[in-house]
Amino acid sequence: MIREIRLREEAEADLSEAAIWYQQQQKGLGYNFLDEVLTLSQSIKEHPLAYPIVHREVRRALTNRFPFGIFYRVEEEIIVIFAIMHASRDPNRWKGRT
């Protein structure tokens, strides 16, 4: 069963903030970041249980090129992404969103 992915508002803000920051560092890098997150999101959609549980029912998928994790929960009919965060961020920041 392939579930639909839903990004919570906070995850959308995380994604936008990071893409803007990377784009300011180097032209085109923000788009590369977005492409990588999209590719990883597709992998999550196709294989939602492939990534490890890091807290209760929360799973984390790591990007390859950028030090970011996608934090999500697999529900019956959907996959909820509630954080897209830099690996150095305090884990309590994303735990508060679950």
N, C-alpha and C. Protein backbone atom coordinates (compact mmCIF):
# COMPACT_ATOMS: atom_id res chain seq x y z
N MET A 1 0.84 -1.18 0.00
CA MET A 1 0.00 0.00 0.00
C MET A 1 0.89 1.25 0.00
N ILE A 2 0.68 2.11 -0.95
CA ILE A 2 1.41 3.37 -1.01
C ILE A 2 0.55 4.45 -0.38
N ARG A 3 1.09 5.05 0.66
CA ARG A 3 0.36 6.08 1.40
C ARG A 3 0.71 7.47 0.85
N GLU A 4 -0.20 8.37 1.04
CA GLU A 4 0.02 9.77 0.69
C GLU A 4 0.90 10.41 1.76
N ILE A 5 1.75 11.33 1.35
CA ILE A 5 2.59 12.07 2.30
C ILE A 5 1.96 13.43 2.57
N ARG A 6 1.91 13.78 3.84
CA ARG A 6 1.44 15.10 4.24
C ARG A 6 2.51 15.79 5.07
N LEU A 7 2.86 16.99 4.65
CA LEU A 7 3.82 17.81 5.41
C LEU A 7 3.05 18.71 6.34
N ARG A 8 3.39 18.66 7.60
CA ARG A 8 2.78 19.60 8.54
C ARG A 8 3.37 20.98 8.27
N GLU A 9 2.68 21.97 8.72
CA GLU A 9 3.08 23.36 8.49
C GLU A 9 4.50 23.63 8.97
N GLU A 10 4.86 23.07 10.11
CA GLU A 10 6.20 23.28 10.66
C GLU A 10 7.27 22.68 9.74
N ALA A 11 6.98 21.52 9.15
CA ALA A 11 7.93 20.87 8.24
C ALA A 11 8.09 21.70 6.96
N GLU A 12 7.00 22.27 6.48
CA GLU A 12 7.08 23.14 5.31
C GLU A 12 7.96 24.34 5.61
N ALA A 13 7.82 24.90 6.80
CA ALA A 13 8.66 26.04 7.20
C ALA A 13 10.13 25.64 7.31
N ASP A 14 10.38 24.45 7.88
CA ASP A 14 11.76 23.94 7.96
C ASP A 14 12.37 23.85 6.57
N LEU A 15 11.62 23.27 5.65
CA LEU A 15 12.09 23.05 4.29
C LEU A 15 12.39 24.37 3.58
N SER A 16 11.48 25.29 3.68
CA SER A 16 11.64 26.59 3.04
C SER A 16 12.83 27.35 3.61
N GLU A 17 12.95 27.35 4.93
CA GLU A 17 14.05 28.07 5.59
C GLU A 17 15.41 27.50 5.16
N ALA A 18 15.52 26.19 5.13
CA ALA A 18 16.79 25.56 4.75
C ALA A 18 17.11 25.81 3.28
N ALA A 19 16.11 25.70 2.41
CA ALA A 19 16.35 25.93 0.98
C ALA A 19 16.80 27.36 0.71
N ILE A 20 16.18 28.31 1.38
CA ILE A 20 16.58 29.72 1.22
C ILE A 20 18.01 29.92 1.71
N TRP A 21 18.35 29.32 2.84
CA TRP A 21 19.70 29.47 3.38
C TRP A 21 20.73 28.90 2.40
N TYR A 22 20.48 27.69 1.89
CA TYR A 22 21.42 27.09 0.94
C TYR A 22 21.51 27.90 -0.35
N GLN A 23 20.40 28.44 -0.80
CA GLN A 23 20.41 29.24 -2.02
C GLN A 23 21.24 30.52 -1.83
N GLN A 24 21.21 31.08 -0.63
CA GLN A 24 22.00 32.26 -0.33
C GLN A 24 23.49 31.94 -0.27
N GLN A 25 23.82 30.70 0.07
CA GLN A 25 25.22 30.31 0.16
C GLN A 25 25.84 30.13 -1.23
N GLN A 26 25.04 29.56 -2.13
CA GLN A 26 25.52 29.31 -3.49
C GLN A 26 24.32 29.17 -4.42
N LYS A 27 24.33 29.89 -5.49
CA LYS A 27 23.23 29.85 -6.45
C LYS A 27 23.00 28.41 -6.92
N GLY A 28 21.77 27.99 -6.83
CA GLY A 28 21.40 26.64 -7.26
C GLY A 28 21.44 25.60 -6.16
N LEU A 29 22.15 25.88 -5.06
CA LEU A 29 22.28 24.91 -3.99
C LEU A 29 20.94 24.67 -3.27
N GLY A 30 20.15 25.71 -3.16
CA GLY A 30 18.83 25.55 -2.55
C GLY A 30 17.96 24.60 -3.35
N TYR A 31 18.05 24.68 -4.68
CA TYR A 31 17.29 23.77 -5.54
C TYR A 31 17.81 22.35 -5.41
N ASN A 32 19.13 22.20 -5.27
CA ASN A 32 19.71 20.87 -5.06
C ASN A 32 19.21 20.26 -3.77
N PHE A 33 19.12 21.10 -2.73
CA PHE A 33 18.59 20.64 -1.45
C PHE A 33 17.15 20.17 -1.61
N LEU A 34 16.33 20.98 -2.26
CA LEU A 34 14.93 20.60 -2.46
C LEU A 34 14.80 19.31 -3.26
N ASP A 35 15.63 19.15 -4.29
CA ASP A 35 15.62 17.91 -5.08
C ASP A 35 15.95 16.70 -4.22
N GLU A 36 16.94 16.85 -3.35
CA GLU A 36 17.32 15.72 -2.50
C GLU A 36 16.21 15.37 -1.51
N VAL A 37 15.57 16.38 -0.94
CA VAL A 37 14.47 16.12 -0.01
C VAL A 37 13.30 15.47 -0.76
N LEU A 38 13.04 15.91 -1.97
CA LEU A 38 11.96 15.31 -2.77
C LEU A 38 12.26 13.84 -3.08
N THR A 39 13.50 13.55 -3.45
CA THR A 39 13.90 12.17 -3.74
C THR A 39 13.76 11.29 -2.50
N LEU A 40 14.21 11.80 -1.36
CA LEU A 40 14.10 11.04 -0.12
C LEU A 40 12.63 10.87 0.28
N SER A 41 11.83 11.88 0.06
CA SER A 41 10.39 11.78 0.37
C SER A 41 9.73 10.70 -0.47
N GLN A 42 10.14 10.59 -1.72
CA GLN A 42 9.60 9.56 -2.60
C GLN A 42 10.00 8.17 -2.08
N SER A 43 11.24 8.05 -1.62
CA SER A 43 11.69 6.78 -1.04
C SER A 43 10.88 6.43 0.21
N ILE A 44 10.63 7.44 1.04
CA ILE A 44 9.80 7.23 2.24
C ILE A 44 8.41 6.76 1.83
N LYS A 45 7.86 7.37 0.81
CA LYS A 45 6.52 7.02 0.34
C LYS A 45 6.47 5.57 -0.14
N GLU A 46 7.50 5.15 -0.86
CA GLU A 46 7.54 3.79 -1.41
C GLU A 46 7.92 2.73 -0.37
N HIS A 47 8.75 3.11 0.60
CA HIS A 47 9.24 2.16 1.61
C HIS A 47 9.21 2.80 3.00
N PRO A 48 8.05 3.11 3.52
CA PRO A 48 7.96 3.88 4.77
C PRO A 48 8.56 3.20 5.99
N LEU A 49 8.62 1.88 6.00
CA LEU A 49 9.14 1.18 7.17
C LEU A 49 10.64 0.88 7.06
N ALA A 50 11.27 1.33 6.01
CA ALA A 50 12.69 1.05 5.77
C ALA A 50 13.62 1.87 6.66
N TYR A 51 13.12 2.94 7.23
CA TYR A 51 13.97 3.84 8.01
C TYR A 51 13.75 3.57 9.50
N PRO A 52 14.79 3.78 10.30
CA PRO A 52 14.72 3.41 11.71
C PRO A 52 13.81 4.30 12.55
N ILE A 53 13.25 3.68 13.56
CA ILE A 53 12.48 4.40 14.57
C ILE A 53 13.49 5.06 15.51
N VAL A 54 13.30 6.35 15.76
CA VAL A 54 14.22 7.08 16.63
C VAL A 54 13.57 7.54 17.94
N HIS A 55 12.25 7.49 17.99
CA HIS A 55 11.54 7.91 19.20
C HIS A 55 10.09 7.47 19.07
N ARG A 56 9.67 6.62 19.98
CA ARG A 56 8.30 6.09 19.93
C ARG A 56 8.00 5.57 18.54
N GLU A 57 7.04 6.13 17.83
CA GLU A 57 6.69 5.66 16.48
C GLU A 57 7.30 6.54 15.39
N VAL A 58 8.19 7.42 15.78
CA VAL A 58 8.78 8.38 14.84
C VAL A 58 10.00 7.76 14.15
N ARG A 59 10.02 7.90 12.83
CA ARG A 59 11.13 7.40 12.02
C ARG A 59 11.92 8.58 11.48
N ARG A 60 13.18 8.30 11.13
CA ARG A 60 14.02 9.35 10.56
C ARG A 60 14.75 8.82 9.34
N ALA A 61 14.65 9.58 8.26
CA ALA A 61 15.39 9.28 7.04
C ALA A 61 16.40 10.40 6.86
N LEU A 62 17.65 10.05 6.56
CA LEU A 62 18.71 11.04 6.42
C LEU A 62 19.01 11.31 4.95
N THR A 63 19.22 12.57 4.64
CA THR A 63 19.63 12.94 3.29
C THR A 63 21.10 12.55 3.10
N ASN A 64 21.51 12.40 1.86
CA ASN A 64 22.89 12.00 1.58
C ASN A 64 23.85 13.18 1.55
N ARG A 65 23.52 14.19 0.80
CA ARG A 65 24.44 15.29 0.56
C ARG A 65 24.39 16.38 1.65
N PHE A 66 23.26 16.52 2.26
CA PHE A 66 23.05 17.58 3.24
C PHE A 66 22.82 16.94 4.61
N PRO A 67 23.25 17.59 5.69
CA PRO A 67 23.09 17.00 7.03
C PRO A 67 21.70 17.23 7.62
N PHE A 68 20.70 16.67 6.95
CA PHE A 68 19.32 16.85 7.37
C PHE A 68 18.62 15.51 7.53
N GLY A 69 17.65 15.50 8.43
CA GLY A 69 16.81 14.33 8.62
C GLY A 69 15.36 14.71 8.41
N ILE A 70 14.61 13.77 7.86
CA ILE A 70 13.17 13.92 7.72
C ILE A 70 12.55 13.05 8.80
N PHE A 71 11.79 13.66 9.68
CA PHE A 71 11.15 12.96 10.79
C PHE A 71 9.68 12.78 10.45
N TYR A 72 9.23 11.53 10.52
CA TYR A 72 7.86 11.23 10.09
C TYR A 72 7.26 10.08 10.88
N ARG A 73 5.97 9.96 10.76
CA ARG A 73 5.23 8.89 11.40
C ARG A 73 4.34 8.25 10.33
N VAL A 74 4.32 6.93 10.32
CA VAL A 74 3.48 6.18 9.40
C VAL A 74 2.15 5.92 10.09
N GLU A 75 1.10 6.45 9.50
CA GLU A 75 -0.23 6.21 10.03
C GLU A 75 -0.95 5.25 9.09
N GLU A 76 -2.16 4.91 9.42
CA GLU A 76 -2.88 3.90 8.65
C GLU A 76 -2.97 4.23 7.16
N GLU A 77 -3.34 5.46 6.84
CA GLU A 77 -3.55 5.81 5.43
C GLU A 77 -2.60 6.88 4.91
N ILE A 78 -1.84 7.50 5.80
CA ILE A 78 -0.94 8.59 5.37
C ILE A 78 0.41 8.50 6.10
N ILE A 79 1.35 9.23 5.56
CA ILE A 79 2.66 9.42 6.21
C ILE A 79 2.73 10.90 6.56
N VAL A 80 2.92 11.20 7.82
CA VAL A 80 2.96 12.58 8.28
C VAL A 80 4.42 12.98 8.54
N ILE A 81 4.89 13.96 7.77
CA ILE A 81 6.22 14.52 7.99
C ILE A 81 6.04 15.75 8.86
N PHE A 82 6.66 15.75 10.03
CA PHE A 82 6.46 16.88 10.92
C PHE A 82 7.73 17.69 11.15
N ALA A 83 8.86 17.23 10.62
CA ALA A 83 10.09 18.02 10.75
C ALA A 83 11.09 17.62 9.67
N ILE A 84 11.78 18.62 9.15
CA ILE A 84 12.91 18.43 8.24
C ILE A 84 14.01 19.30 8.85
N MET A 85 14.90 18.64 9.59
CA MET A 85 15.80 19.40 10.44
C MET A 85 17.26 19.03 10.25
N HIS A 86 18.11 20.03 10.47
CA HIS A 86 19.56 19.86 10.45
C HIS A 86 19.95 18.90 11.57
N ALA A 87 20.92 18.07 11.30
CA ALA A 87 21.34 17.05 12.27
C ALA A 87 21.88 17.62 13.57
N SER A 88 22.34 18.87 13.55
CA SER A 88 22.90 19.46 14.77
C SER A 88 21.84 20.11 15.66
N ARG A 89 20.60 20.14 15.21
CA ARG A 89 19.54 20.77 16.01
C ARG A 89 19.20 19.92 17.23
N ASP A 90 18.72 20.57 18.25
CA ASP A 90 18.31 19.92 19.48
C ASP A 90 17.13 18.99 19.18
N PRO A 91 17.25 17.69 19.53
CA PRO A 91 16.16 16.75 19.25
C PRO A 91 14.84 17.11 19.93
N ASN A 92 14.92 17.87 21.01
CA ASN A 92 13.67 18.27 21.68
C ASN A 92 12.82 19.16 20.78
N ARG A 93 13.46 19.81 19.82
CA ARG A 93 12.70 20.67 18.91
C ARG A 93 11.72 19.86 18.06
N TRP A 94 12.16 18.73 17.53
CA TRP A 94 11.23 17.94 16.73
C TRP A 94 10.35 17.06 17.60
N LYS A 95 10.85 16.64 18.75
CA LYS A 95 10.03 15.80 19.64
C LYS A 95 8.80 16.54 20.11
N GLY A 96 8.91 17.85 20.26
CA GLY A 96 7.77 18.65 20.68
C GLY A 96 6.67 18.73 19.63
N ARG A 97 6.98 18.34 18.42
CA ARG A 97 5.99 18.39 17.34
C ARG A 97 5.20 17.11 17.19
N THR A 98 5.65 16.05 17.83
CA THR A 98 4.97 14.76 17.68
C THR A 98 3.75 14.79 18.53
